[in-house]
Amino acid sequence: MWMTIFYSVASVSIAIAEAPKLWKERKKKELWIFAAIWAGGALLGITASQHVLLPNPLDGIAVVIGPFAQALYSMFD
């Protein structure tokens, strides 16, 4: 629970420190990108602190590329 509070406080403090600068400089695209990366990082940090098992992205890549690799191996076999 303490790690969840820590991640929440840390992510909010980072947003408070960085977002107003981008807003003042009227960098809307950068602000949207910052918000998306910030939200994703905060979400991953909080879920990791709760010991939630997250899927490995490499498993999904292996599922997509696996048949292609097998086809190439069978061509040169």
C-alpha atoms as a PDB file:
ATOM      1  CA  MET A   1       0.000   0.000   0.000  1.00  0.00           C
ATOM      2  CA  TRP A   2       2.833   2.396   0.778  1.00  0.00           C
ATOM      3  CA  MET A   3       4.348   1.863  -2.643  1.00  0.00           C
ATOM      4  CA  THR A   4       1.007   2.694  -4.260  1.00  0.00           C
ATOM      5  CA  ILE A   5       0.867   5.940  -2.316  1.00  0.00           C
ATOM      6  CA  PHE A   6       4.490   6.661  -3.211  1.00  0.00           C
ATOM      7  CA  TYR A   7       3.889   6.101  -6.941  1.00  0.00           C
ATOM      8  CA  SER A   8       0.745   8.223  -6.835  1.00  0.00           C
ATOM      9  CA  VAL A   9       2.453  11.113  -5.051  1.00  0.00           C
ATOM     10  CA  ALA A  10       5.528  10.893  -7.271  1.00  0.00           C
ATOM     11  CA  SER A  11       3.534  10.831 -10.494  1.00  0.00           C
ATOM     12  CA  VAL A  12       1.303  13.731  -9.441  1.00  0.00           C
ATOM     13  CA  SER A  13       4.315  15.788  -8.390  1.00  0.00           C
ATOM     14  CA  ILE A  14       5.991  15.146 -11.750  1.00  0.00           C
ATOM     15  CA  ALA A  15       2.820  16.185 -13.570  1.00  0.00           C
ATOM     16  CA  ILE A  16       2.533  19.343 -11.464  1.00  0.00           C
ATOM     17  CA  ALA A  17       6.149  20.206 -12.217  1.00  0.00           C
ATOM     18  CA  GLU A  18       6.116  19.578 -15.958  1.00  0.00           C
ATOM     19  CA  ALA A  19       2.615  20.164 -17.342  1.00  0.00           C
ATOM     20  CA  PRO A  20       2.327  23.917 -16.592  1.00  0.00           C
ATOM     21  CA  LYS A  21       5.567  24.595 -18.480  1.00  0.00           C
ATOM     22  CA  LEU A  22       4.238  22.880 -21.562  1.00  0.00           C
ATOM     23  CA  TRP A  23       0.883  24.625 -21.213  1.00  0.00           C
ATOM     24  CA  LYS A  24       2.523  28.079 -20.919  1.00  0.00           C
ATOM     25  CA  GLU A  25       4.684  27.483 -23.971  1.00  0.00           C
ATOM     26  CA  ARG A  26       1.548  26.331 -25.857  1.00  0.00           C
ATOM     27  CA  LYS A  27       3.105  23.014 -26.766  1.00  0.00           C
ATOM     28  CA  LYS A  28      -0.144  21.104 -27.088  1.00  0.00           C
ATOM     29  CA  LYS A  29       1.273  18.079 -28.923  1.00  0.00           C
ATOM     30  CA  GLU A  30       4.063  17.661 -26.410  1.00  0.00           C
ATOM     31  CA  LEU A  31       1.565  18.003 -23.588  1.00  0.00           C
ATOM     32  CA  TRP A  32      -0.590  15.211 -25.029  1.00  0.00           C
ATOM     33  CA  ILE A  33       2.443  12.962 -25.479  1.00  0.00           C
ATOM     34  CA  PHE A  34       3.624  13.766 -21.956  1.00  0.00           C
ATOM     35  CA  ALA A  35       0.163  12.992 -20.565  1.00  0.00           C
ATOM     36  CA  ALA A  36      -0.015   9.653 -22.374  1.00  0.00           C
ATOM     37  CA  ILE A  37       3.458   8.544 -21.278  1.00  0.00           C
ATOM     38  CA  TRP A  38       2.873   9.894 -17.769  1.00  0.00           C
ATOM     39  CA  ALA A  39      -0.432   8.034 -17.409  1.00  0.00           C
ATOM     40  CA  GLY A  40       1.065   4.809 -18.754  1.00  0.00           C
ATOM     41  CA  GLY A  41       4.043   5.019 -16.432  1.00  0.00           C
ATOM     42  CA  ALA A  42       1.886   5.821 -13.430  1.00  0.00           C
ATOM     43  CA  LEU A  43      -0.450   2.946 -14.259  1.00  0.00           C
ATOM     44  CA  LEU A  44       2.409   0.485 -14.685  1.00  0.00           C
ATOM     45  CA  GLY A  45       4.065   1.650 -11.468  1.00  0.00           C
ATOM     46  CA  ILE A  46       0.898   1.336  -9.440  1.00  0.00           C
ATOM     47  CA  THR A  47       0.007  -2.086 -10.863  1.00  0.00           C
ATOM     48  CA  ALA A  48       3.564  -3.305 -10.246  1.00  0.00           C
ATOM     49  CA  SER A  49       3.369  -2.102  -6.654  1.00  0.00           C
ATOM     50  CA  GLN A  50       0.173  -4.122  -6.237  1.00  0.00           C
ATOM     51  CA  HIS A  51       2.014  -7.247  -7.529  1.00  0.00           C
ATOM     52  CA  VAL A  52      -0.336  -7.662 -10.480  1.00  0.00           C
ATOM     53  CA  LEU A  53       1.062 -10.067 -13.059  1.00  0.00           C
ATOM     54  CA  LEU A  54       1.371  -8.177 -16.319  1.00  0.00           C
ATOM     55  CA  PRO A  55       1.743  -9.930 -19.664  1.00  0.00           C
ATOM     56  CA  ASN A  56       5.118  -9.827 -21.336  1.00  0.00           C
ATOM     57  CA  PRO A  57       4.955  -7.867 -24.628  1.00  0.00           C
ATOM     58  CA  LEU A  58       7.546 -10.167 -26.170  1.00  0.00           C
ATOM     59  CA  ASP A  59       5.110 -13.079 -25.935  1.00  0.00           C
ATOM     60  CA  GLY A  60       2.685 -11.216 -28.199  1.00  0.00           C
ATOM     61  CA  ILE A  61       5.454 -10.385 -30.644  1.00  0.00           C
ATOM     62  CA  ALA A  62       6.510 -14.043 -30.697  1.00  0.00           C
ATOM     63  CA  VAL A  63       2.927 -15.098 -31.499  1.00  0.00           C
ATOM     64  CA  VAL A  64       2.799 -12.689 -34.434  1.00  0.00           C
ATOM     65  CA  ILE A  65       6.266 -13.370 -35.836  1.00  0.00           C
ATOM     66  CA  GLY A  66       6.415 -17.097 -35.021  1.00  0.00           C
ATOM     67  CA  PRO A  67       4.511 -18.401 -38.082  1.00  0.00           C
ATOM     68  CA  PHE A  68       6.523 -16.144 -40.386  1.00  0.00           C
ATOM     69  CA  ALA A  69       9.783 -17.435 -38.945  1.00  0.00           C
ATOM     70  CA  GLN A  70       8.616 -21.043 -39.283  1.00  0.00           C
ATOM     71  CA  ALA A  71       7.700 -20.409 -42.922  1.00  0.00           C
ATOM     72  CA  LEU A  72      11.156 -19.007 -43.603  1.00  0.00           C
ATOM     73  CA  TYR A  73      12.836 -21.933 -41.857  1.00  0.00           C
ATOM     74  CA  SER A  74      10.782 -24.428 -43.881  1.00  0.00           C
ATOM     75  CA  MET A  75      11.761 -22.691 -47.149  1.00  0.00           C
ATOM     76  CA  PHE A  76      15.472 -23.075 -46.402  1.00  0.00           C
ATOM     77  CA  ASP A  77      15.311 -26.473 -44.770  1.00  0.00           C
END
